[in-house]
Amino acid sequence: MFRAPDLDLRTVMDGVGSILNGAIDAGATLLVVLSWHVENANVLWDAVRAVLPSESARAILFAAPWELLDASVVRRLVKSVQQIDWNSDHAGILETALMLHLAPDLVGPIPTPSSGAPPPFDVLPTPASAAPVGGLINDATGASAALGRDSFESMVSSMARAVLGVRRDG
């Protein structure tokens, strides 16, 4: 049986709640929450809602930052938007490029992607066959530090514009 390291729901909710409460207690009026995994977004929303005061603070949740990529960067990452399942791009071109930009010492040789797509369902406990040996589902060939820098800057710039827009509206 394969078991990935994880945190149980109570731990995530308590941890996020504690951080957000601390920020609010310190005077924060706009909280920004970033999730790189879509499946965590609902948990994070629930954690935010549990601690967010009614009117004294607001929150923005970025659940899928790759959706904020500039179209010119997306064209450099993939031949077509339909070509890639961003939610399954574990260790694929975007994540590898970002890591080559942010922490190149942590990136090893780019492996060959596994064949076949993961099934559209989960089995619990997760069988070993459910995870590719190298963890790679999509192709990371072509990832570079420069592409990672451009991707990072594109997402951060889009998030900054969103935050400034919410601040102006609030």
C-alpha atoms as a PDB file:
ATOM      1  CA  MET A   1       0.000   0.000   0.000  1.00  0.00           C
ATOM      2  CA  PHE A   2       1.233   3.482  -0.902  1.00  0.00           C
ATOM      3  CA  ARG A   3       0.664   6.287   1.586  1.00  0.00           C
ATOM      4  CA  ALA A   4       1.780   9.807   0.864  1.00  0.00           C
ATOM      5  CA  PRO A   5       2.665  12.039   3.803  1.00  0.00           C
ATOM      6  CA  ASP A   6      -0.240  14.276   4.695  1.00  0.00           C
ATOM      7  CA  LEU A   7      -1.888  16.327   7.399  1.00  0.00           C
ATOM      8  CA  ASP A   8      -5.299  15.433   8.672  1.00  0.00           C
ATOM      9  CA  LEU A   9      -8.098  17.930   8.162  1.00  0.00           C
ATOM     10  CA  ARG A  10      -8.208  19.121  11.790  1.00  0.00           C
ATOM     11  CA  THR A  11      -4.481  19.928  11.731  1.00  0.00           C
ATOM     12  CA  VAL A  12      -4.772  21.935   8.515  1.00  0.00           C
ATOM     13  CA  MET A  13      -7.846  23.820   9.744  1.00  0.00           C
ATOM     14  CA  ASP A  14      -6.280  24.561  13.138  1.00  0.00           C
ATOM     15  CA  GLY A  15      -2.946  25.625  11.638  1.00  0.00           C
ATOM     16  CA  VAL A  16      -4.439  27.928   9.022  1.00  0.00           C
ATOM     17  CA  GLY A  17      -6.906  29.305  11.566  1.00  0.00           C
ATOM     18  CA  SER A  18      -4.108  30.055  14.015  1.00  0.00           C
ATOM     19  CA  ILE A  19      -2.063  31.902  11.386  1.00  0.00           C
ATOM     20  CA  LEU A  20      -5.073  33.907  10.199  1.00  0.00           C
ATOM     21  CA  ASN A  21      -6.149  34.765  13.752  1.00  0.00           C
ATOM     22  CA  GLY A  22      -2.641  35.992  14.475  1.00  0.00           C
ATOM     23  CA  ALA A  23      -2.684  38.180  11.366  1.00  0.00           C
ATOM     24  CA  ILE A  24      -6.096  39.621  12.251  1.00  0.00           C
ATOM     25  CA  ASP A  25      -5.017  40.233  15.853  1.00  0.00           C
ATOM     26  CA  ALA A  26      -1.966  42.075  14.484  1.00  0.00           C
ATOM     27  CA  GLY A  27      -4.273  44.363  12.499  1.00  0.00           C
ATOM     28  CA  ALA A  28      -4.447  42.735   9.069  1.00  0.00           C
ATOM     29  CA  THR A  29      -7.563  43.717   7.154  1.00  0.00           C
ATOM     30  CA  LEU A  30      -6.871  41.763   3.958  1.00  0.00           C
ATOM     31  CA  LEU A  31      -5.722  38.159   4.123  1.00  0.00           C
ATOM     32  CA  VAL A  32      -4.214  36.400   1.114  1.00  0.00           C
ATOM     33  CA  VAL A  33      -4.304  32.604   1.052  1.00  0.00           C
ATOM     34  CA  LEU A  34      -2.488  30.652  -1.650  1.00  0.00           C
ATOM     35  CA  SER A  35      -3.129  27.004  -2.430  1.00  0.00           C
ATOM     36  CA  TRP A  36      -1.137  25.155  -5.030  1.00  0.00           C
ATOM     37  CA  HIS A  37      -3.429  22.128  -4.883  1.00  0.00           C
ATOM     38  CA  VAL A  38      -7.025  22.592  -6.022  1.00  0.00           C
ATOM     39  CA  GLU A  39      -8.213  19.819  -3.721  1.00  0.00           C
ATOM     40  CA  ASN A  40      -7.085  21.899  -0.714  1.00  0.00           C
ATOM     41  CA  ALA A  41      -9.023  25.024  -1.699  1.00  0.00           C
ATOM     42  CA  ASN A  42     -12.302  24.060   0.002  1.00  0.00           C
ATOM     43  CA  VAL A  43     -10.465  23.186   3.203  1.00  0.00           C
ATOM     44  CA  LEU A  44      -8.700  26.548   3.128  1.00  0.00           C
ATOM     45  CA  TRP A  45     -11.964  28.388   2.451  1.00  0.00           C
ATOM     46  CA  ASP A  46     -13.546  26.674   5.442  1.00  0.00           C
ATOM     47  CA  ALA A  47     -10.543  27.594   7.602  1.00  0.00           C
ATOM     48  CA  VAL A  48     -10.783  31.237   6.487  1.00  0.00           C
ATOM     49  CA  ARG A  49     -14.543  31.425   7.064  1.00  0.00           C
ATOM     50  CA  ALA A  50     -14.190  29.962  10.535  1.00  0.00           C
ATOM     51  CA  VAL A  51     -11.986  32.829  11.728  1.00  0.00           C
ATOM     52  CA  LEU A  52     -12.849  35.767   9.489  1.00  0.00           C
ATOM     53  CA  PRO A  53     -14.648  38.556  11.343  1.00  0.00           C
ATOM     54  CA  SER A  54     -17.797  39.744   9.625  1.00  0.00           C
ATOM     55  CA  GLU A  55     -16.668  43.152   8.367  1.00  0.00           C
ATOM     56  CA  SER A  56     -13.262  44.025   9.823  1.00  0.00           C
ATOM     57  CA  ALA A  57     -11.213  41.848   7.452  1.00  0.00           C
ATOM     58  CA  ARG A  58     -11.510  40.277   4.011  1.00  0.00           C
ATOM     59  CA  ALA A  59      -9.746  37.342   2.389  1.00  0.00           C
ATOM     60  CA  ILE A  60      -8.672  36.351  -1.100  1.00  0.00           C
ATOM     61  CA  LEU A  61      -8.035  32.689  -1.894  1.00  0.00           C
ATOM     62  CA  PHE A  62      -5.870  31.852  -4.887  1.00  0.00           C
ATOM     63  CA  ALA A  63      -6.801  28.207  -5.424  1.00  0.00           C
ATOM     64  CA  ALA A  64      -5.213  27.685  -8.837  1.00  0.00           C
ATOM     65  CA  PRO A  65      -2.422  30.225  -9.454  1.00  0.00           C
ATOM     66  CA  TRP A  66      -1.628  28.733 -12.882  1.00  0.00           C
ATOM     67  CA  GLU A  67      -4.944  30.172 -14.049  1.00  0.00           C
ATOM     68  CA  LEU A  68      -3.360  33.589 -13.535  1.00  0.00           C
ATOM     69  CA  LEU A  69      -0.540  32.946 -16.010  1.00  0.00           C
ATOM     70  CA  ASP A  70      -0.262  35.426 -18.845  1.00  0.00           C
ATOM     71  CA  ALA A  71      -1.298  33.890 -22.187  1.00  0.00           C
ATOM     72  CA  SER A  72       2.187  34.441 -23.643  1.00  0.00           C
ATOM     73  CA  VAL A  73       3.726  32.403 -20.817  1.00  0.00           C
ATOM     74  CA  VAL A  74       1.136  29.637 -21.221  1.00  0.00           C
ATOM     75  CA  ARG A  75       2.027  29.403 -24.937  1.00  0.00           C
ATOM     76  CA  ARG A  76       5.676  28.856 -23.952  1.00  0.00           C
ATOM     77  CA  LEU A  77       4.688  26.187 -21.423  1.00  0.00           C
ATOM     78  CA  VAL A  78       2.349  24.169 -23.634  1.00  0.00           C
ATOM     79  CA  LYS A  79       1.391  23.941 -27.289  1.00  0.00           C
ATOM     80  CA  SER A  80      -2.278  24.401 -26.404  1.00  0.00           C
ATOM     81  CA  VAL A  81      -4.179  24.976 -23.181  1.00  0.00           C
ATOM     82  CA  GLN A  82      -6.152  21.785 -23.843  1.00  0.00           C
ATOM     83  CA  GLN A  83      -2.871  19.849 -23.980  1.00  0.00           C
ATOM     84  CA  ILE A  84      -2.316  19.883 -20.234  1.00  0.00           C
ATOM     85  CA  ASP A  85      -4.263  19.064 -17.105  1.00  0.00           C
ATOM     86  CA  TRP A  86      -2.844  21.678 -14.729  1.00  0.00           C
ATOM     87  CA  ASN A  87      -4.381  19.903 -11.732  1.00  0.00           C
ATOM     88  CA  SER A  88      -2.323  16.793 -12.535  1.00  0.00           C
ATOM     89  CA  ASP A  89       0.890  18.586 -13.505  1.00  0.00           C
ATOM     90  CA  HIS A  90       2.803  17.196 -10.549  1.00  0.00           C
ATOM     91  CA  ALA A  91       6.489  17.694 -11.351  1.00  0.00           C
ATOM     92  CA  GLY A  92       5.461  18.678 -14.881  1.00  0.00           C
ATOM     93  CA  ILE A  93       6.679  21.599 -16.919  1.00  0.00           C
ATOM     94  CA  LEU A  94       5.268  24.427 -14.764  1.00  0.00           C
ATOM     95  CA  GLU A  95       6.300  23.012 -11.388  1.00  0.00           C
ATOM     96  CA  THR A  96       9.721  21.993 -12.702  1.00  0.00           C
ATOM     97  CA  ALA A  97      10.309  25.392 -14.302  1.00  0.00           C
ATOM     98  CA  LEU A  98       9.275  27.148 -11.085  1.00  0.00           C
ATOM     99  CA  MET A  99      11.613  24.956  -9.040  1.00  0.00           C
ATOM    100  CA  LEU A 100      14.475  25.562 -11.496  1.00  0.00           C
ATOM    101  CA  HIS A 101      13.921  29.286 -10.900  1.00  0.00           C
ATOM    102  CA  LEU A 102      13.291  29.233  -7.128  1.00  0.00           C
ATOM    103  CA  ALA A 103      15.376  26.304  -5.852  1.00  0.00           C
ATOM    104  CA  PRO A 104      17.479  24.780  -8.649  1.00  0.00           C
ATOM    105  CA  ASP A 105      19.546  22.708  -6.211  1.00  0.00           C
ATOM    106  CA  LEU A 106      16.427  20.681  -5.389  1.00  0.00           C
ATOM    107  CA  VAL A 107      15.773  19.674  -9.015  1.00  0.00           C
ATOM    108  CA  GLY A 108      17.263  16.452 -10.324  1.00  0.00           C
ATOM    109  CA  PRO A 109      17.343  15.167 -13.868  1.00  0.00           C
ATOM    110  CA  ILE A 110      13.987  15.527 -15.617  1.00  0.00           C
ATOM    111  CA  PRO A 111      12.511  12.029 -15.897  1.00  0.00           C
ATOM    112  CA  THR A 112      10.412  10.622 -18.683  1.00  0.00           C
ATOM    113  CA  PRO A 113       6.698  11.099 -17.963  1.00  0.00           C
ATOM    114  CA  SER A 114       4.659   8.048 -17.114  1.00  0.00           C
ATOM    115  CA  SER A 115       2.437   6.604 -19.762  1.00  0.00           C
ATOM    116  CA  GLY A 116      -1.288   6.920 -19.394  1.00  0.00           C
ATOM    117  CA  ALA A 117      -3.386   9.334 -17.416  1.00  0.00           C
ATOM    118  CA  PRO A 118      -4.390   8.680 -13.836  1.00  0.00           C
ATOM    119  CA  PRO A 119      -7.925   7.311 -13.430  1.00  0.00           C
ATOM    120  CA  PRO A 120     -10.706   9.845 -12.795  1.00  0.00           C
ATOM    121  CA  PHE A 121     -11.340   8.390  -9.321  1.00  0.00           C
ATOM    122  CA  ASP A 122      -9.463   7.627  -6.121  1.00  0.00           C
ATOM    123  CA  VAL A 123      -9.105   4.347  -4.289  1.00  0.00           C
ATOM    124  CA  LEU A 124      -8.501   4.392  -0.536  1.00  0.00           C
ATOM    125  CA  PRO A 125      -6.155   3.295   0.811  1.00  0.00           C
ATOM    126  CA  THR A 126      -4.163   4.421  -2.225  1.00  0.00           C
ATOM    127  CA  PRO A 127      -2.570   1.457  -4.009  1.00  0.00           C
ATOM    128  CA  ALA A 128       1.087   1.733  -5.066  1.00  0.00           C
ATOM    129  CA  SER A 129       0.052   1.494  -8.717  1.00  0.00           C
ATOM    130  CA  ALA A 130      -1.855   4.790  -8.434  1.00  0.00           C
ATOM    131  CA  ALA A 131       1.303   6.896  -8.297  1.00  0.00           C
ATOM    132  CA  PRO A 132       3.897   6.944 -11.074  1.00  0.00           C
ATOM    133  CA  VAL A 133       7.298   5.723  -9.863  1.00  0.00           C
ATOM    134  CA  GLY A 134       8.945   9.122 -10.386  1.00  0.00           C
ATOM    135  CA  GLY A 135       5.849  11.108  -9.431  1.00  0.00           C
ATOM    136  CA  LEU A 136       5.766  12.721 -12.868  1.00  0.00           C
ATOM    137  CA  ILE A 137       2.495  12.649 -14.788  1.00  0.00           C
ATOM    138  CA  ASN A 138       2.983  15.339 -17.429  1.00  0.00           C
ATOM    139  CA  ASP A 139       6.080  16.044 -19.486  1.00  0.00           C
ATOM    140  CA  ALA A 140       8.579  18.482 -17.963  1.00  0.00           C
ATOM    141  CA  THR A 141      10.846  18.527 -21.009  1.00  0.00           C
ATOM    142  CA  GLY A 142      11.602  22.112 -21.932  1.00  0.00           C
ATOM    143  CA  ALA A 143      11.419  23.417 -18.374  1.00  0.00           C
ATOM    144  CA  SER A 144      14.044  26.043 -17.637  1.00  0.00           C
ATOM    145  CA  ALA A 145      14.885  28.572 -14.952  1.00  0.00           C
ATOM    146  CA  ALA A 146      13.999  31.387 -17.372  1.00  0.00           C
ATOM    147  CA  LEU A 147      10.573  29.868 -18.040  1.00  0.00           C
ATOM    148  CA  GLY A 148      10.132  29.421 -14.288  1.00  0.00           C
ATOM    149  CA  ARG A 149      11.065  33.062 -13.664  1.00  0.00           C
ATOM    150  CA  ASP A 150       8.593  34.269 -16.285  1.00  0.00           C
ATOM    151  CA  SER A 151       5.861  31.973 -14.916  1.00  0.00           C
ATOM    152  CA  PHE A 152       6.515  33.088 -11.332  1.00  0.00           C
ATOM    153  CA  GLU A 153       6.541  36.771 -12.254  1.00  0.00           C
ATOM    154  CA  SER A 154       3.340  36.365 -14.288  1.00  0.00           C
ATOM    155  CA  MET A 155       1.445  34.672 -11.438  1.00  0.00           C
ATOM    156  CA  VAL A 156       2.750  37.085  -8.780  1.00  0.00           C
ATOM    157  CA  SER A 157       1.905  40.086 -10.938  1.00  0.00           C
ATOM    158  CA  SER A 158      -1.645  38.804 -11.499  1.00  0.00           C
ATOM    159  CA  MET A 159      -2.091  38.099  -7.787  1.00  0.00           C
ATOM    160  CA  ALA A 160      -0.801  41.570  -6.897  1.00  0.00           C
ATOM    161  CA  ARG A 161      -3.293  43.179  -9.304  1.00  0.00           C
ATOM    162  CA  ALA A 162      -6.101  41.136  -7.739  1.00  0.00           C
ATOM    163  CA  VAL A 163      -5.087  42.118  -4.212  1.00  0.00           C
ATOM    164  CA  LEU A 164      -4.848  45.803  -5.144  1.00  0.00           C
ATOM    165  CA  GLY A 165      -8.260  45.599  -6.831  1.00  0.00           C
ATOM    166  CA  VAL A 166      -9.875  44.083  -3.740  1.00  0.00           C
ATOM    167  CA  ARG A 167      -8.207  46.691  -1.514  1.00  0.00           C
ATOM    168  CA  ARG A 168      -9.608  49.495  -3.700  1.00  0.00           C
ATOM    169  CA  ASP A 169     -13.081  47.938  -3.660  1.00  0.00           C
ATOM    170  CA  GLY A 170     -13.085  47.348   0.077  1.00  0.00           C
END
